[in-house]
Amino acid sequence: LNIPQESNVTVTVFDVFGSEVKSVYSGSAAAGDMSLMWDGTNNAGIPVAPGTYIVRVNGDGFNASSKITVAR
């Protein structure tokens, strides 16, 4: 993830239908590259099914999203 400016960010994983799967991070982030690991579980701690998921990053004045694939 590239954070364009220091800000509060949230990183959330959604399924392809737009339902929230997991809130991965919520807090402050410095400008620049940010790395996060998602353990492949949902908010209840249950492993998700293989497939495509959307990672959405929301910050102060910016939004970004990308697709990821879970393979087991």
Protein backbone atom coordinates (compact mmCIF):
# COMPACT_ATOMS: atom_id res chain seq x y z
CA LEU A 1 0.00 0.00 0.00
CA ASN A 2 1.25 3.48 -0.75
CA ILE A 3 -0.08 6.13 1.60
CA PRO A 4 0.21 9.54 -0.12
CA GLN A 5 0.18 11.56 3.12
CA GLU A 6 0.19 10.95 6.85
CA SER A 7 -3.41 10.18 7.78
CA ASN A 8 -5.83 7.92 9.55
CA VAL A 9 -6.54 4.90 7.39
CA THR A 10 -8.81 1.89 7.39
CA VAL A 11 -8.01 -1.26 5.44
CA THR A 12 -10.95 -3.58 4.87
CA VAL A 13 -11.39 -6.80 2.88
CA PHE A 14 -14.69 -7.33 1.04
CA ASP A 15 -16.07 -10.25 -0.95
CA VAL A 16 -17.04 -9.76 -4.61
CA PHE A 17 -20.63 -9.01 -3.53
CA GLY A 18 -19.48 -6.02 -1.44
CA SER A 19 -19.96 -7.59 1.99
CA GLU A 20 -17.28 -6.85 4.58
CA VAL A 21 -15.14 -9.90 5.29
CA LYS A 22 -12.49 -8.47 7.63
CA SER A 23 -11.37 -5.16 9.05
CA VAL A 24 -7.60 -5.54 8.74
CA TYR A 25 -6.36 -2.20 10.08
CA SER A 26 -7.70 1.06 11.48
CA GLY A 27 -5.36 3.74 12.74
CA SER A 28 -2.73 6.27 11.81
CA ALA A 29 -0.22 5.69 9.03
CA ALA A 30 2.82 7.63 7.90
CA ALA A 31 3.20 8.71 4.29
CA GLY A 32 4.90 6.13 2.09
CA ASP A 33 4.75 2.39 1.71
CA MET A 34 2.76 0.38 4.25
CA SER A 35 2.71 -3.41 4.44
CA LEU A 36 -0.03 -5.45 6.05
CA MET A 37 -0.70 -9.17 6.28
CA TRP A 38 -4.19 -10.62 6.15
CA ASP A 39 -4.39 -14.11 7.63
CA GLY A 40 -7.21 -15.20 5.30
CA THR A 41 -9.87 -15.23 7.99
CA ASN A 42 -13.07 -13.25 8.41
CA ASN A 43 -13.95 -11.03 11.38
CA ALA A 44 -15.06 -14.16 13.30
CA GLY A 45 -11.66 -15.81 12.78
CA ILE A 46 -12.98 -18.41 10.31
CA PRO A 47 -10.88 -19.10 7.18
CA VAL A 48 -12.49 -17.66 4.04
CA ALA A 49 -13.24 -19.68 0.94
CA PRO A 50 -10.82 -19.59 -1.99
CA GLY A 51 -11.69 -16.84 -4.44
CA THR A 52 -11.33 -13.18 -5.28
CA TYR A 53 -11.57 -10.45 -2.66
CA ILE A 54 -11.36 -6.67 -2.75
CA VAL A 55 -9.03 -4.75 -0.41
CA ARG A 56 -10.18 -1.18 0.16
CA VAL A 57 -7.99 1.50 1.74
CA ASN A 58 -9.68 4.69 2.94
CA GLY A 59 -7.69 7.61 4.29
CA ASP A 60 -7.88 11.34 4.81
CA GLY A 61 -8.57 12.56 1.29
CA PHE A 62 -7.82 9.34 -0.62
CA ASN A 63 -9.31 5.94 -1.40
CA ALA A 64 -7.78 2.96 -3.18
CA SER A 65 -8.78 -0.61 -3.86
CA SER A 66 -7.28 -3.72 -5.39
CA LYS A 67 -8.21 -7.33 -6.00
CA ILE A 68 -6.53 -10.25 -4.29
CA THR A 69 -6.98 -13.98 -4.72
CA VAL A 70 -7.09 -16.53 -1.93
CA ALA A 71 -5.93 -20.00 -2.99
CA ARG A 72 -5.83 -22.96 -0.66
